[in-house]
Amino acid sequence: MTKLVSSFRPDDFFTAQQQIRLQEQKVQFHEAVERSEALSFIQQQELENLVEAEARGGYFSFC
């Protein structure tokens, strides 16, 4: 299992707005898991896109 650690600071690669939306999506994901449900396809895609954007931002800010 891969875990990502966030700096929790907005930057040029992952904005404050994206961080807020990612946290909202994480909450929805965990709530769905607790109910043994799945996110909608659109919600899942948005969550995956935000996680990938955060990972790319971390990579580029590390370089």
PDB file of N, CA and C in Angstrom:
ATOM      1  N   MET A   1       0.844  -1.173   0.000  1.00  0.00           N
ATOM      2  CA  MET A   1       0.000   0.000   0.000  1.00  0.00           C
ATOM      3  C   MET A   1       0.892   1.240   0.000  1.00  0.00           C
ATOM      4  N   THR A   2       0.604   2.164  -0.867  1.00  0.00           N
ATOM      5  CA  THR A   2       1.349   3.414  -0.958  1.00  0.00           C
ATOM      6  C   THR A   2       0.618   4.483  -0.168  1.00  0.00           C
ATOM      7  N   LYS A   3       1.367   5.251   0.604  1.00  0.00           N
ATOM      8  CA  LYS A   3       0.783   6.361   1.349  1.00  0.00           C
ATOM      9  C   LYS A   3       1.482   7.633   0.936  1.00  0.00           C
ATOM     10  N   LEU A   4       0.700   8.683   0.775  1.00  0.00           N
ATOM     11  CA  LEU A   4       1.245   9.996   0.449  1.00  0.00           C
ATOM     12  C   LEU A   4       1.129  10.889   1.672  1.00  0.00           C
ATOM     13  N   VAL A   5       2.151  11.643   1.932  1.00  0.00           N
ATOM     14  CA  VAL A   5       2.130  12.597   3.029  1.00  0.00           C
ATOM     15  C   VAL A   5       2.084  13.989   2.428  1.00  0.00           C
ATOM     16  N   SER A   6       1.111  14.755   2.830  1.00  0.00           N
ATOM     17  CA  SER A   6       0.922  16.096   2.285  1.00  0.00           C
ATOM     18  C   SER A   6       1.630  17.124   3.144  1.00  0.00           C
ATOM     19  N   SER A   7       2.087  18.182   2.500  1.00  0.00           N
ATOM     20  CA  SER A   7       2.681  19.286   3.253  1.00  0.00           C
ATOM     21  C   SER A   7       1.594  20.195   3.824  1.00  0.00           C
ATOM     22  N   PHE A   8       0.380  20.097   3.307  1.00  0.00           N
ATOM     23  CA  PHE A   8      -0.773  20.883   3.737  1.00  0.00           C
ATOM     24  C   PHE A   8      -0.582  22.379   3.521  1.00  0.00           C
ATOM     25  N   ARG A   9       0.320  22.742   2.631  1.00  0.00           N
ATOM     26  CA  ARG A   9       0.514  24.144   2.266  1.00  0.00           C
ATOM     27  C   ARG A   9       0.260  24.284   0.774  1.00  0.00           C
ATOM     28  N   PRO A  10      -0.561  25.256   0.395  1.00  0.00           N
ATOM     29  CA  PRO A  10      -0.763  25.477  -1.039  1.00  0.00           C
ATOM     30  C   PRO A  10       0.535  25.980  -1.677  1.00  0.00           C
ATOM     31  N   ASP A  11       0.687  25.665  -2.950  1.00  0.00           N
ATOM     32  CA  ASP A  11       1.849  26.146  -3.690  1.00  0.00           C
ATOM     33  C   ASP A  11       1.466  26.292  -5.153  1.00  0.00           C
ATOM     34  N   ASP A  12       2.447  26.541  -5.988  1.00  0.00           N
ATOM     35  CA  ASP A  12       2.173  26.735  -7.413  1.00  0.00           C
ATOM     36  C   ASP A  12       1.688  25.465  -8.100  1.00  0.00           C
ATOM     37  N   PHE A  13       1.922  24.313  -7.485  1.00  0.00           N
ATOM     38  CA  PHE A  13       1.609  23.031  -8.112  1.00  0.00           C
ATOM     39  C   PHE A  13       0.301  22.424  -7.608  1.00  0.00           C
ATOM     40  N   PHE A  14      -0.121  22.797  -6.383  1.00  0.00           N
ATOM     41  CA  PHE A  14      -1.367  22.274  -5.822  1.00  0.00           C
ATOM     42  C   PHE A  14      -1.960  23.383  -4.956  1.00  0.00           C
ATOM     43  N   THR A  15      -3.015  24.003  -5.469  1.00  0.00           N
ATOM     44  CA  THR A  15      -3.564  25.224  -4.870  1.00  0.00           C
ATOM     45  C   THR A  15      -4.381  24.950  -3.606  1.00  0.00           C
ATOM     46  N   ALA A  16      -4.666  26.008  -2.883  1.00  0.00           N
ATOM     47  CA  ALA A  16      -5.503  25.912  -1.685  1.00  0.00           C
ATOM     48  C   ALA A  16      -6.894  25.394  -2.047  1.00  0.00           C
ATOM     49  N   GLN A  17      -7.427  25.840  -3.175  1.00  0.00           N
ATOM     50  CA  GLN A  17      -8.745  25.380  -3.615  1.00  0.00           C
ATOM     51  C   GLN A  17      -8.728  23.874  -3.888  1.00  0.00           C
ATOM     52  N   GLN A  18      -7.662  23.389  -4.507  1.00  0.00           N
ATOM     53  CA  GLN A  18      -7.542  21.953  -4.763  1.00  0.00           C
ATOM     54  C   GLN A  18      -7.417  21.186  -3.449  1.00  0.00           C
ATOM     55  N   GLN A  19      -6.692  21.730  -2.492  1.00  0.00           N
ATOM     56  CA  GLN A  19      -6.555  21.062  -1.200  1.00  0.00           C
ATOM     57  C   GLN A  19      -7.892  20.950  -0.485  1.00  0.00           C
ATOM     58  N   ILE A  20      -8.662  22.023  -0.530  1.00  0.00           N
ATOM     59  CA  ILE A  20      -9.988  22.000   0.097  1.00  0.00           C
ATOM     60  C   ILE A  20     -10.864  20.957  -0.566  1.00  0.00           C
ATOM     61  N   ARG A  21     -10.874  20.942  -1.881  1.00  0.00           N
ATOM     62  CA  ARG A  21     -11.711  19.979  -2.604  1.00  0.00           C
ATOM     63  C   ARG A  21     -11.259  18.547  -2.341  1.00  0.00           C
ATOM     64  N   LEU A  22      -9.948  18.325  -2.258  1.00  0.00           N
ATOM     65  CA  LEU A  22      -9.437  16.993  -1.961  1.00  0.00           C
ATOM     66  C   LEU A  22      -9.907  16.539  -0.584  1.00  0.00           C
ATOM     67  N   GLN A  23      -9.853  17.411   0.400  1.00  0.00           N
ATOM     68  CA  GLN A  23     -10.317  17.048   1.740  1.00  0.00           C
ATOM     69  C   GLN A  23     -11.812  16.721   1.726  1.00  0.00           C
ATOM     70  N   GLU A  24     -12.598  17.497   0.984  1.00  0.00           N
ATOM     71  CA  GLU A  24     -14.037  17.216   0.868  1.00  0.00           C
ATOM     72  C   GLU A  24     -14.263  15.841   0.243  1.00  0.00           C
ATOM     73  N   GLN A  25     -13.520  15.538  -0.807  1.00  0.00           N
ATOM     74  CA  GLN A  25     -13.669  14.249  -1.479  1.00  0.00           C
ATOM     75  C   GLN A  25     -13.225  13.092  -0.586  1.00  0.00           C
ATOM     76  N   LYS A  26     -12.177  13.296   0.204  1.00  0.00           N
ATOM     77  CA  LYS A  26     -11.723  12.254   1.137  1.00  0.00           C
ATOM     78  C   LYS A  26     -12.801  11.948   2.167  1.00  0.00           C
ATOM     79  N   VAL A  27     -13.447  12.983   2.683  1.00  0.00           N
ATOM     80  CA  VAL A  27     -14.534  12.794   3.651  1.00  0.00           C
ATOM     81  C   VAL A  27     -15.657  11.990   3.011  1.00  0.00           C
ATOM     82  N   GLN A  28     -16.046  12.366   1.799  1.00  0.00           N
ATOM     83  CA  GLN A  28     -17.118  11.636   1.107  1.00  0.00           C
ATOM     84  C   GLN A  28     -16.725  10.188   0.870  1.00  0.00           C
ATOM     85  N   PHE A  29     -15.470   9.955   0.515  1.00  0.00           N
ATOM     86  CA  PHE A  29     -14.991   8.595   0.282  1.00  0.00           C
ATOM     87  C   PHE A  29     -15.094   7.763   1.564  1.00  0.00           C
ATOM     88  N   HIS A  30     -14.609   8.300   2.678  1.00  0.00           N
ATOM     89  CA  HIS A  30     -14.641   7.559   3.938  1.00  0.00           C
ATOM     90  C   HIS A  30     -16.070   7.316   4.418  1.00  0.00           C
ATOM     91  N   GLU A  31     -16.948   8.283   4.216  1.00  0.00           N
ATOM     92  CA  GLU A  31     -18.357   8.102   4.567  1.00  0.00           C
ATOM     93  C   GLU A  31     -18.982   7.000   3.723  1.00  0.00           C
ATOM     94  N   ALA A  32     -18.662   6.970   2.447  1.00  0.00           N
ATOM     95  CA  ALA A  32     -19.189   5.923   1.561  1.00  0.00           C
ATOM     96  C   ALA A  32     -18.680   4.550   1.994  1.00  0.00           C
ATOM     97  N   VAL A  33     -17.413   4.458   2.342  1.00  0.00           N
ATOM     98  CA  VAL A  33     -16.842   3.183   2.797  1.00  0.00           C
ATOM     99  C   VAL A  33     -17.552   2.707   4.058  1.00  0.00           C
ATOM    100  N   GLU A  34     -17.797   3.622   4.996  1.00  0.00           N
ATOM    101  CA  GLU A  34     -18.488   3.265   6.236  1.00  0.00           C
ATOM    102  C   GLU A  34     -19.891   2.725   5.965  1.00  0.00           C
ATOM    103  N   ARG A  35     -20.525   3.205   4.900  1.00  0.00           N
ATOM    104  CA  ARG A  35     -21.868   2.739   4.531  1.00  0.00           C
ATOM    105  C   ARG A  35     -21.822   1.554   3.566  1.00  0.00           C
ATOM    106  N   SER A  36     -20.608   1.074   3.275  1.00  0.00           N
ATOM    107  CA  SER A  36     -20.412  -0.008   2.302  1.00  0.00           C
ATOM    108  C   SER A  36     -20.948   0.373   0.927  1.00  0.00           C
ATOM    109  N   GLU A  37     -20.749   1.620   0.567  1.00  0.00           N
ATOM    110  CA  GLU A  37     -21.166   2.139  -0.722  1.00  0.00           C
ATOM    111  C   GLU A  37     -19.938   2.571  -1.509  1.00  0.00           C
ATOM    112  N   ALA A  38     -20.164   2.941  -2.739  1.00  0.00           N
ATOM    113  CA  ALA A  38     -19.082   3.440  -3.586  1.00  0.00           C
ATOM    114  C   ALA A  38     -19.406   4.866  -3.995  1.00  0.00           C
ATOM    115  N   LEU A  39     -18.360   5.619  -4.303  1.00  0.00           N
ATOM    116  CA  LEU A  39     -18.564   6.942  -4.870  1.00  0.00           C
ATOM    117  C   LEU A  39     -19.109   6.798  -6.282  1.00  0.00           C
ATOM    118  N   SER A  40     -19.772   7.825  -6.755  1.00  0.00           N
ATOM    119  CA  SER A  40     -20.201   7.811  -8.149  1.00  0.00           C
ATOM    120  C   SER A  40     -18.960   7.842  -9.033  1.00  0.00           C
ATOM    121  N   PHE A  41     -19.124   7.487 -10.285  1.00  0.00           N
ATOM    122  CA  PHE A  41     -18.000   7.488 -11.216  1.00  0.00           C
ATOM    123  C   PHE A  41     -17.349   8.868 -11.276  1.00  0.00           C
ATOM    124  N   ILE A  42     -18.169   9.915 -11.321  1.00  0.00           N
ATOM    125  CA  ILE A  42     -17.650  11.280 -11.409  1.00  0.00           C
ATOM    126  C   ILE A  42     -16.882  11.646 -10.145  1.00  0.00           C
ATOM    127  N   GLN A  43     -17.425  11.299  -8.971  1.00  0.00           N
ATOM    128  CA  GLN A  43     -16.727  11.581  -7.720  1.00  0.00           C
ATOM    129  C   GLN A  43     -15.397  10.827  -7.650  1.00  0.00           C
ATOM    130  N   GLN A  44     -15.411   9.569  -8.068  1.00  0.00           N
ATOM    131  CA  GLN A  44     -14.191   8.760  -8.054  1.00  0.00           C
ATOM    132  C   GLN A  44     -13.129   9.353  -8.977  1.00  0.00           C
ATOM    133  N   GLN A  45     -13.550   9.783 -10.160  1.00  0.00           N
ATOM    134  CA  GLN A  45     -12.616  10.391 -11.111  1.00  0.00           C
ATOM    135  C   GLN A  45     -12.018  11.678 -10.545  1.00  0.00           C
ATOM    136  N   GLU A  46     -12.869  12.505  -9.945  1.00  0.00           N
ATOM    137  CA  GLU A  46     -12.374  13.755  -9.371  1.00  0.00           C
ATOM    138  C   GLU A  46     -11.380  13.471  -8.252  1.00  0.00           C
ATOM    139  N   LEU A  47     -11.690  12.517  -7.387  1.00  0.00           N
ATOM    140  CA  LEU A  47     -10.784  12.162  -6.293  1.00  0.00           C
ATOM    141  C   LEU A  47      -9.448  11.668  -6.844  1.00  0.00           C
ATOM    142  N   GLU A  48      -9.494  10.779  -7.817  1.00  0.00           N
ATOM    143  CA  GLU A  48      -8.263  10.263  -8.415  1.00  0.00           C
ATOM    144  C   GLU A  48      -7.450  11.381  -9.067  1.00  0.00           C
ATOM    145  N   ASN A  49      -8.126  12.286  -9.774  1.00  0.00           N
ATOM    146  CA  ASN A  49      -7.430  13.401 -10.422  1.00  0.00           C
ATOM    147  C   ASN A  49      -6.760  14.314  -9.396  1.00  0.00           C
ATOM    148  N   LEU A  50      -7.447  14.574  -8.290  1.00  0.00           N
ATOM    149  CA  LEU A  50      -6.869  15.423  -7.256  1.00  0.00           C
ATOM    150  C   LEU A  50      -5.677  14.753  -6.583  1.00  0.00           C
ATOM    151  N   VAL A  51      -5.780  13.460  -6.316  1.00  0.00           N
ATOM    152  CA  VAL A  51      -4.665  12.724  -5.698  1.00  0.00           C
ATOM    153  C   VAL A  51      -3.464  12.736  -6.635  1.00  0.00           C
ATOM    154  N   GLU A  52      -3.710  12.511  -7.924  1.00  0.00           N
ATOM    155  CA  GLU A  52      -2.612  12.534  -8.897  1.00  0.00           C
ATOM    156  C   GLU A  52      -1.995  13.935  -8.992  1.00  0.00           C
ATOM    157  N   ALA A  53      -2.835  14.974  -8.979  1.00  0.00           N
ATOM    158  CA  ALA A  53      -2.319  16.340  -9.048  1.00  0.00           C
ATOM    159  C   ALA A  53      -1.493  16.664  -7.809  1.00  0.00           C
ATOM    160  N   GLU A  54      -1.944  16.206  -6.656  1.00  0.00           N
ATOM    161  CA  GLU A  54      -1.187  16.443  -5.426  1.00  0.00           C
ATOM    162  C   GLU A  54       0.157  15.720  -5.477  1.00  0.00           C
ATOM    163  N   ALA A  55       0.147  14.493  -5.968  1.00  0.00           N
ATOM    164  CA  ALA A  55       1.395  13.720  -6.070  1.00  0.00           C
ATOM    165  C   ALA A  55       2.358  14.378  -7.056  1.00  0.00           C
ATOM    166  N   ARG A  56       1.842  14.824  -8.187  1.00  0.00           N
ATOM    167  CA  ARG A  56       2.695  15.504  -9.175  1.00  0.00           C
ATOM    168  C   ARG A  56       3.256  16.793  -8.591  1.00  0.00           C
ATOM    169  N   GLY A  57       2.424  17.531  -7.868  1.00  0.00           N
ATOM    170  CA  GLY A  57       2.880  18.768  -7.246  1.00  0.00           C
ATOM    171  C   GLY A  57       3.976  18.520  -6.237  1.00  0.00           C
ATOM    172  N   GLY A  58       3.833  17.463  -5.458  1.00  0.00           N
ATOM    173  CA  GLY A  58       4.870  17.102  -4.494  1.00  0.00           C
ATOM    174  C   GLY A  58       6.153  16.716  -5.179  1.00  0.00           C
ATOM    175  N   TYR A  59       6.027  16.006  -6.290  1.00  0.00           N
ATOM    176  CA  TYR A  59       7.217  15.587  -7.046  1.00  0.00           C
ATOM    177  C   TYR A  59       7.945  16.814  -7.586  1.00  0.00           C
ATOM    178  N   PHE A  60       7.198  17.719  -8.203  1.00  0.00           N
ATOM    179  CA  PHE A  60       7.824  18.880  -8.822  1.00  0.00           C
ATOM    180  C   PHE A  60       8.378  19.849  -7.787  1.00  0.00           C
ATOM    181  N   SER A  61       7.729  19.959  -6.636  1.00  0.00           N
ATOM    182  CA  SER A  61       8.257  20.868  -5.614  1.00  0.00           C
ATOM    183  C   SER A  61       9.469  20.257  -4.924  1.00  0.00           C
ATOM    184  N   PHE A  62       9.616  18.928  -5.034  1.00  0.00           N
ATOM    185  CA  PHE A  62      10.768  18.237  -4.438  1.00  0.00           C
ATOM    186  C   PHE A  62      11.995  18.358  -5.337  1.00  0.00           C
ATOM    187  N   CYS A  63      11.773  18.436  -6.649  1.00  0.00           N
ATOM    188  CA  CYS A  63      12.887  18.491  -7.612  1.00  0.00           C
ATOM    189  C   CYS A  63      13.647  19.792  -7.536  1.00  0.00           C
TER     190      CYS A  63
END
